[in-house]
Amino acid sequence: MVTGAAQRGRGRWKRAKSRRKLERVAKNQGRNAMARNESVGGDPPDKLLLSALKYWEVERDLIEERLATMRSATAAF
């Protein structure tokens, strides 16, 4: 009986220690990811690229509207 209680307590200690280690590793990985993002994100967004993305977004919406209109017209027949 005494050994069972000792083992349970020891297992709890090991879990707590490994949990702390995992938290520390996750915290360090977050710092590394932030450092990488800061070095890449220094340039302002390209205006031409943003303009092209907006254009294609509008085109896609228009195409989807046309397809929806065609589907509803064929469903009515």
PDB file of N, CA and C in Angstrom:
ATOM      1  N   MET A   1       0.809  -1.197   0.000  1.00  0.00           N
ATOM      2  CA  MET A   1       0.000   0.000   0.000  1.00  0.00           C
ATOM      3  C   MET A   1       0.849   1.256   0.000  1.00  0.00           C
ATOM      4  N   VAL A   2       1.896   1.227   0.753  1.00  0.00           N
ATOM      5  CA  VAL A   2       2.754   2.405   0.855  1.00  0.00           C
ATOM      6  C   VAL A   2       3.450   2.670  -0.476  1.00  0.00           C
ATOM      7  N   THR A   3       3.862   1.617  -1.161  1.00  0.00           N
ATOM      8  CA  THR A   3       4.558   1.821  -2.425  1.00  0.00           C
ATOM      9  C   THR A   3       3.630   2.375  -3.494  1.00  0.00           C
ATOM     10  N   GLY A   4       2.362   2.000  -3.459  1.00  0.00           N
ATOM     11  CA  GLY A   4       1.401   2.529  -4.441  1.00  0.00           C
ATOM     12  C   GLY A   4       1.223   4.020  -4.294  1.00  0.00           C
ATOM     13  N   ALA A   5       1.151   4.494  -3.072  1.00  0.00           N
ATOM     14  CA  ALA A   5       1.001   5.936  -2.847  1.00  0.00           C
ATOM     15  C   ALA A   5       2.244   6.677  -3.299  1.00  0.00           C
ATOM     16  N   ALA A   6       3.410   6.099  -3.077  1.00  0.00           N
ATOM     17  CA  ALA A   6       4.657   6.744  -3.484  1.00  0.00           C
ATOM     18  C   ALA A   6       4.742   6.829  -5.003  1.00  0.00           C
ATOM     19  N   GLN A   7       4.286   5.790  -5.664  1.00  0.00           N
ATOM     20  CA  GLN A   7       4.343   5.805  -7.127  1.00  0.00           C
ATOM     21  C   GLN A   7       3.396   6.845  -7.706  1.00  0.00           C
ATOM     22  N   ARG A   8       2.205   6.980  -7.124  1.00  0.00           N
ATOM     23  CA  ARG A   8       1.260   7.975  -7.639  1.00  0.00           C
ATOM     24  C   ARG A   8       1.829   9.380  -7.502  1.00  0.00           C
ATOM     25  N   GLY A   9       2.417   9.652  -6.356  1.00  0.00           N
ATOM     26  CA  GLY A   9       2.995  10.979  -6.133  1.00  0.00           C
ATOM     27  C   GLY A   9       4.137  11.254  -7.091  1.00  0.00           C
ATOM     28  N   ARG A  10       4.943  10.254  -7.332  1.00  0.00           N
ATOM     29  CA  ARG A  10       6.080  10.432  -8.237  1.00  0.00           C
ATOM     30  C   ARG A  10       5.585  10.667  -9.673  1.00  0.00           C
ATOM     31  N   GLY A  11       4.536   9.960 -10.079  1.00  0.00           N
ATOM     32  CA  GLY A  11       3.999  10.141 -11.427  1.00  0.00           C
ATOM     33  C   GLY A  11       3.451  11.542 -11.630  1.00  0.00           C
ATOM     34  N   ARG A  12       2.812  12.073 -10.599  1.00  0.00           N
ATOM     35  CA  ARG A  12       2.277  13.419 -10.670  1.00  0.00           C
ATOM     36  C   ARG A  12       3.416  14.424 -10.835  1.00  0.00           C
ATOM     37  N   TRP A  13       4.525  14.200 -10.112  1.00  0.00           N
ATOM     38  CA  TRP A  13       5.665  15.106 -10.192  1.00  0.00           C
ATOM     39  C   TRP A  13       6.267  15.076 -11.588  1.00  0.00           C
ATOM     40  N   LYS A  14       6.375  13.860 -12.162  1.00  0.00           N
ATOM     41  CA  LYS A  14       6.941  13.743 -13.511  1.00  0.00           C
ATOM     42  C   LYS A  14       6.067  14.458 -14.527  1.00  0.00           C
ATOM     43  N   ARG A  15       4.749  14.318 -14.400  1.00  0.00           N
ATOM     44  CA  ARG A  15       3.850  14.986 -15.332  1.00  0.00           C
ATOM     45  C   ARG A  15       3.967  16.499 -15.225  1.00  0.00           C
ATOM     46  N   ALA A  16       4.054  16.992 -14.003  1.00  0.00           N
ATOM     47  CA  ALA A  16       4.169  18.437 -13.814  1.00  0.00           C
ATOM     48  C   ALA A  16       5.458  18.945 -14.423  1.00  0.00           C
ATOM     49  N   LYS A  17       6.523  18.186 -14.246  1.00  0.00           N
ATOM     50  CA  LYS A  17       7.808  18.603 -14.792  1.00  0.00           C
ATOM     51  C   LYS A  17       7.763  18.601 -16.319  1.00  0.00           C
ATOM     52  N   SER A  18       7.199  17.551 -16.912  1.00  0.00           N
ATOM     53  CA  SER A  18       7.155  17.485 -18.367  1.00  0.00           C
ATOM     54  C   SER A  18       6.218  18.556 -18.922  1.00  0.00           C
ATOM     55  N   ARG A  19       5.138  18.874 -18.202  1.00  0.00           N
ATOM     56  CA  ARG A  19       4.216  19.913 -18.651  1.00  0.00           C
ATOM     57  C   ARG A  19       4.931  21.265 -18.680  1.00  0.00           C
ATOM     58  N   ARG A  20       5.724  21.543 -17.637  1.00  0.00           N
ATOM     59  CA  ARG A  20       6.476  22.800 -17.596  1.00  0.00           C
ATOM     60  C   ARG A  20       7.466  22.862 -18.745  1.00  0.00           C
ATOM     61  N   LYS A  21       8.102  21.737 -19.035  1.00  0.00           N
ATOM     62  CA  LYS A  21       9.075  21.694 -20.122  1.00  0.00           C
ATOM     63  C   LYS A  21       8.385  21.963 -21.461  1.00  0.00           C
ATOM     64  N   LEU A  22       7.212  21.366 -21.674  1.00  0.00           N
ATOM     65  CA  LEU A  22       6.470  21.598 -22.910  1.00  0.00           C
ATOM     66  C   LEU A  22       6.049  23.059 -23.043  1.00  0.00           C
ATOM     67  N   GLU A  23       5.624  23.660 -21.927  1.00  0.00           N
ATOM     68  CA  GLU A  23       5.235  25.067 -21.974  1.00  0.00           C
ATOM     69  C   GLU A  23       6.431  25.944 -22.341  1.00  0.00           C
ATOM     70  N   ARG A  24       7.590  25.616 -21.787  1.00  0.00           N
ATOM     71  CA  ARG A  24       8.789  26.391 -22.065  1.00  0.00           C
ATOM     72  C   ARG A  24       9.164  26.270 -23.542  1.00  0.00           C
ATOM     73  N   VAL A  25       9.087  25.045 -24.093  1.00  0.00           N
ATOM     74  CA  VAL A  25       9.414  24.823 -25.491  1.00  0.00           C
ATOM     75  C   VAL A  25       8.440  25.587 -26.385  1.00  0.00           C
ATOM     76  N   ALA A  26       7.146  25.548 -26.064  1.00  0.00           N
ATOM     77  CA  ALA A  26       6.151  26.266 -26.860  1.00  0.00           C
ATOM     78  C   ALA A  26       6.400  27.770 -26.809  1.00  0.00           C
ATOM     79  N   LYS A  27       6.773  28.274 -25.648  1.00  0.00           N
ATOM     80  CA  LYS A  27       7.050  29.700 -25.505  1.00  0.00           C
ATOM     81  C   LYS A  27       8.243  30.094 -26.367  1.00  0.00           C
ATOM     82  N   ASN A  28       9.292  29.283 -26.376  1.00  0.00           N
ATOM     83  CA  ASN A  28      10.473  29.575 -27.182  1.00  0.00           C
ATOM     84  C   ASN A  28      10.157  29.518 -28.676  1.00  0.00           C
ATOM     85  N   GLN A  29       9.318  28.575 -29.078  1.00  0.00           N
ATOM     86  CA  GLN A  29       8.951  28.485 -30.488  1.00  0.00           C
ATOM     87  C   GLN A  29       8.166  29.714 -30.918  1.00  0.00           C
ATOM     88  N   GLY A  30       7.316  30.221 -30.042  1.00  0.00           N
ATOM     89  CA  GLY A  30       6.558  31.435 -30.352  1.00  0.00           C
ATOM     90  C   GLY A  30       7.481  32.624 -30.545  1.00  0.00           C
ATOM     91  N   ARG A  31       8.499  32.734 -29.732  1.00  0.00           N
ATOM     92  CA  ARG A  31       9.468  33.829 -29.892  1.00  0.00           C
ATOM     93  C   ARG A  31      10.205  33.707 -31.203  1.00  0.00           C
ATOM     94  N   ASN A  32      10.593  32.483 -31.577  1.00  0.00           N
ATOM     95  CA  ASN A  32      11.299  32.285 -32.840  1.00  0.00           C
ATOM     96  C   ASN A  32      10.416  32.624 -34.028  1.00  0.00           C
ATOM     97  N   ALA A  33       9.148  32.262 -33.965  1.00  0.00           N
ATOM     98  CA  ALA A  33       8.226  32.562 -35.058  1.00  0.00           C
ATOM     99  C   ALA A  33       8.032  34.068 -35.203  1.00  0.00           C
ATOM    100  N   MET A  34       7.950  34.778 -34.077  1.00  0.00           N
ATOM    101  CA  MET A  34       7.791  36.224 -34.134  1.00  0.00           C
ATOM    102  C   MET A  34       9.024  36.870 -34.734  1.00  0.00           C
ATOM    103  N   ALA A  35      10.195  36.377 -34.415  1.00  0.00           N
ATOM    104  CA  ALA A  35      11.431  36.933 -34.963  1.00  0.00           C
ATOM    105  C   ALA A  35      11.478  36.737 -36.477  1.00  0.00           C
ATOM    106  N   ARG A  36      11.051  35.577 -36.958  1.00  0.00           N
ATOM    107  CA  ARG A  36      11.031  35.335 -38.405  1.00  0.00           C
ATOM    108  C   ARG A  36      10.018  36.248 -39.080  1.00  0.00           C
ATOM    109  N   ASN A  37       8.841  36.436 -38.499  1.00  0.00           N
ATOM    110  CA  ASN A  37       7.811  37.273 -39.097  1.00  0.00           C
ATOM    111  C   ASN A  37       8.235  38.728 -39.173  1.00  0.00           C
ATOM    112  N   GLU A  38       8.940  39.204 -38.172  1.00  0.00           N
ATOM    113  CA  GLU A  38       9.365  40.588 -38.168  1.00  0.00           C
ATOM    114  C   GLU A  38      10.362  40.859 -39.285  1.00  0.00           C
ATOM    115  N   SER A  39      11.233  39.914 -39.569  1.00  0.00           N
ATOM    116  CA  SER A  39      12.229  40.138 -40.609  1.00  0.00           C
ATOM    117  C   SER A  39      11.588  40.115 -41.998  1.00  0.00           C
ATOM    118  N   VAL A  40      10.556  39.335 -42.205  1.00  0.00           N
ATOM    119  CA  VAL A  40       9.904  39.222 -43.502  1.00  0.00           C
ATOM    120  C   VAL A  40       8.931  40.370 -43.734  1.00  0.00           C
ATOM    121  N   GLY A  41       8.207  40.788 -42.696  1.00  0.00           N
ATOM    122  CA  GLY A  41       7.138  41.760 -42.860  1.00  0.00           C
ATOM    123  C   GLY A  41       7.586  43.206 -42.883  1.00  0.00           C
ATOM    124  N   GLY A  42       8.842  43.488 -43.160  1.00  0.00           N
ATOM    125  CA  GLY A  42       9.327  44.856 -43.143  1.00  0.00           C
ATOM    126  C   GLY A  42       8.868  45.680 -44.329  1.00  0.00           C
ATOM    127  N   ASP A  43       8.574  45.063 -45.470  1.00  0.00           N
ATOM    128  CA  ASP A  43       8.191  45.798 -46.675  1.00  0.00           C
ATOM    129  C   ASP A  43       6.699  46.097 -46.662  1.00  0.00           C
ATOM    130  N   PRO A  44       6.306  47.276 -47.148  1.00  0.00           N
ATOM    131  CA  PRO A  44       4.869  47.567 -47.259  1.00  0.00           C
ATOM    132  C   PRO A  44       4.265  46.724 -48.379  1.00  0.00           C
ATOM    133  N   PRO A  45       2.974  46.466 -48.329  1.00  0.00           N
ATOM    134  CA  PRO A  45       2.352  45.647 -49.379  1.00  0.00           C
ATOM    135  C   PRO A  45       2.434  46.352 -50.730  1.00  0.00           C
ATOM    136  N   ASP A  46       2.605  45.574 -51.758  1.00  0.00           N
ATOM    137  CA  ASP A  46       2.721  46.094 -53.121  1.00  0.00           C
ATOM    138  C   ASP A  46       1.346  46.570 -53.598  1.00  0.00           C
ATOM    139  N   LYS A  47       1.249  47.826 -54.012  1.00  0.00           N
ATOM    140  CA  LYS A  47      -0.035  48.390 -54.432  1.00  0.00           C
ATOM    141  C   LYS A  47      -0.572  47.717 -55.679  1.00  0.00           C
ATOM    142  N   LEU A  48       0.305  47.366 -56.601  1.00  0.00           N
ATOM    143  CA  LEU A  48      -0.136  46.695 -57.826  1.00  0.00           C
ATOM    144  C   LEU A  48      -0.707  45.314 -57.505  1.00  0.00           C
ATOM    145  N   LEU A  49      -0.054  44.610 -56.601  1.00  0.00           N
ATOM    146  CA  LEU A  49      -0.546  43.294 -56.201  1.00  0.00           C
ATOM    147  C   LEU A  49      -1.912  43.398 -55.535  1.00  0.00           C
ATOM    148  N   LEU A  50      -2.068  44.362 -54.633  1.00  0.00           N
ATOM    149  CA  LEU A  50      -3.354  44.545 -53.963  1.00  0.00           C
ATOM    150  C   LEU A  50      -4.445  44.908 -54.974  1.00  0.00           C
ATOM    151  N   SER A  51      -4.104  45.736 -55.937  1.00  0.00           N
ATOM    152  CA  SER A  51      -5.069  46.121 -56.962  1.00  0.00           C
ATOM    153  C   SER A  51      -5.496  44.903 -57.784  1.00  0.00           C
ATOM    154  N   ALA A  52      -4.533  44.071 -58.159  1.00  0.00           N
ATOM    155  CA  ALA A  52      -4.850  42.873 -58.942  1.00  0.00           C
ATOM    156  C   ALA A  52      -5.721  41.910 -58.139  1.00  0.00           C
ATOM    157  N   LEU A  53      -5.425  41.765 -56.846  1.00  0.00           N
ATOM    158  CA  LEU A  53      -6.238  40.872 -56.016  1.00  0.00           C
ATOM    159  C   LEU A  53      -7.672  41.368 -55.917  1.00  0.00           C
ATOM    160  N   LYS A  54      -7.849  42.668 -55.757  1.00  0.00           N
ATOM    161  CA  LYS A  54      -9.205  43.229 -55.688  1.00  0.00           C
ATOM    162  C   LYS A  54      -9.939  43.012 -57.006  1.00  0.00           C
ATOM    163  N   TYR A  55      -9.236  43.211 -58.129  1.00  0.00           N
ATOM    164  CA  TYR A  55      -9.842  43.022 -59.447  1.00  0.00           C
ATOM    165  C   TYR A  55     -10.350  41.594 -59.602  1.00  0.00           C
ATOM    166  N   TRP A  56      -9.505  40.622 -59.278  1.00  0.00           N
ATOM    167  CA  TRP A  56      -9.904  39.235 -59.450  1.00  0.00           C
ATOM    168  C   TRP A  56     -10.982  38.814 -58.460  1.00  0.00           C
ATOM    169  N   GLU A  57     -11.013  39.458 -57.311  1.00  0.00           N
ATOM    170  CA  GLU A  57     -12.085  39.178 -56.358  1.00  0.00           C
ATOM    171  C   GLU A  57     -13.421  39.634 -56.927  1.00  0.00           C
ATOM    172  N   VAL A  58     -13.438  40.816 -57.542  1.00  0.00           N
ATOM    173  CA  VAL A  58     -14.663  41.336 -58.157  1.00  0.00           C
ATOM    174  C   VAL A  58     -15.062  40.454 -59.335  1.00  0.00           C
ATOM    175  N   GLU A  59     -14.086  40.059 -60.154  1.00  0.00           N
ATOM    176  CA  GLU A  59     -14.386  39.180 -61.286  1.00  0.00           C
ATOM    177  C   GLU A  59     -14.998  37.869 -60.819  1.00  0.00           C
ATOM    178  N   ARG A  60     -14.431  37.280 -59.765  1.00  0.00           N
ATOM    179  CA  ARG A  60     -14.957  36.017 -59.246  1.00  0.00           C
ATOM    180  C   ARG A  60     -16.394  36.189 -58.765  1.00  0.00           C
ATOM    181  N   ASP A  61     -16.669  37.306 -58.078  1.00  0.00           N
ATOM    182  CA  ASP A  61     -18.028  37.557 -57.602  1.00  0.00           C
ATOM    183  C   ASP A  61     -19.004  37.687 -58.767  1.00  0.00           C
ATOM    184  N   LEU A  62     -18.582  38.382 -59.819  1.00  0.00           N
ATOM    185  CA  LEU A  62     -19.452  38.523 -60.991  1.00  0.00           C
ATOM    186  C   LEU A  62     -19.717  37.169 -61.649  1.00  0.00           C
ATOM    187  N   ILE A  63     -18.692  36.360 -61.758  1.00  0.00           N
ATOM    188  CA  ILE A  63     -18.864  35.027 -62.358  1.00  0.00           C
ATOM    189  C   ILE A  63     -19.808  34.184 -61.513  1.00  0.00           C
ATOM    190  N   GLU A  64     -19.647  34.238 -60.189  1.00  0.00           N
ATOM    191  CA  GLU A  64     -20.534  33.475 -59.303  1.00  0.00           C
ATOM    192  C   GLU A  64     -21.980  33.949 -59.429  1.00  0.00           C
ATOM    193  N   GLU A  65     -22.179  35.249 -59.570  1.00  0.00           N
ATOM    194  CA  GLU A  65     -23.544  35.773 -59.740  1.00  0.00           C
ATOM    195  C   GLU A  65     -24.149  35.286 -61.039  1.00  0.00           C
ATOM    196  N   ARG A  66     -23.354  35.305 -62.122  1.00  0.00           N
ATOM    197  CA  ARG A  66     -23.855  34.832 -63.422  1.00  0.00           C
ATOM    198  C   ARG A  66     -24.220  33.352 -63.358  1.00  0.00           C
ATOM    199  N   LEU A  67     -23.364  32.561 -62.708  1.00  0.00           N
ATOM    200  CA  LEU A  67     -23.652  31.128 -62.581  1.00  0.00           C
ATOM    201  C   LEU A  67     -24.921  30.892 -61.757  1.00  0.00           C
ATOM    202  N   ALA A  68     -25.096  31.648 -60.690  1.00  0.00           N
ATOM    203  CA  ALA A  68     -26.289  31.498 -59.867  1.00  0.00           C
ATOM    204  C   ALA A  68     -27.539  31.867 -60.659  1.00  0.00           C
ATOM    205  N   THR A  69     -27.443  32.916 -61.480  1.00  0.00           N
ATOM    206  CA  THR A  69     -28.572  33.323 -62.316  1.00  0.00           C
ATOM    207  C   THR A  69     -28.905  32.236 -63.324  1.00  0.00           C
ATOM    208  N   MET A  70     -27.883  31.673 -63.940  1.00  0.00           N
ATOM    209  CA  MET A  70     -28.107  30.613 -64.938  1.00  0.00           C
ATOM    210  C   MET A  70     -28.711  29.372 -64.272  1.00  0.00           C
ATOM    211  N   ARG A  71     -28.246  29.024 -63.093  1.00  0.00           N
ATOM    212  CA  ARG A  71     -28.784  27.851 -62.405  1.00  0.00           C
ATOM    213  C   ARG A  71     -30.245  28.062 -62.012  1.00  0.00           C
ATOM    214  N   SER A  72     -30.554  29.259 -61.539  1.00  0.00           N
ATOM    215  CA  SER A  72     -31.939  29.511 -61.156  1.00  0.00           C
ATOM    216  C   SER A  72     -32.855  29.551 -62.382  1.00  0.00           C
ATOM    217  N   ALA A  73     -32.342  30.028 -63.520  1.00  0.00           N
ATOM    218  CA  ALA A  73     -33.137  30.062 -64.749  1.00  0.00           C
ATOM    219  C   ALA A  73     -33.393  28.645 -65.258  1.00  0.00           C
ATOM    220  N   THR A  74     -32.394  27.779 -65.179  1.00  0.00           N
ATOM    221  CA  THR A  74     -32.589  26.398 -65.644  1.00  0.00           C
ATOM    222  C   THR A  74     -33.439  25.589 -64.664  1.00  0.00           C
ATOM    223  N   ALA A  75     -33.417  25.947 -63.393  1.00  0.00           N
ATOM    224  CA  ALA A  75     -34.230  25.235 -62.406  1.00  0.00           C
ATOM    225  C   ALA A  75     -35.702  25.588 -62.568  1.00  0.00           C
ATOM    226  N   ALA A  76     -35.997  26.762 -63.105  1.00  0.00           N
ATOM    227  CA  ALA A  76     -37.385  27.191 -63.291  1.00  0.00           C
ATOM    228  C   ALA A  76     -38.049  26.430 -64.428  1.00  0.00           C
ATOM    229  N   PHE A  77     -37.267  25.924 -65.364  1.00  0.00           N
ATOM    230  CA  PHE A  77     -37.856  25.199 -66.502  1.00  0.00           C
ATOM    231  C   PHE A  77     -38.150  23.806 -66.197  1.00  0.00           C
TER     232      PHE A  77
END
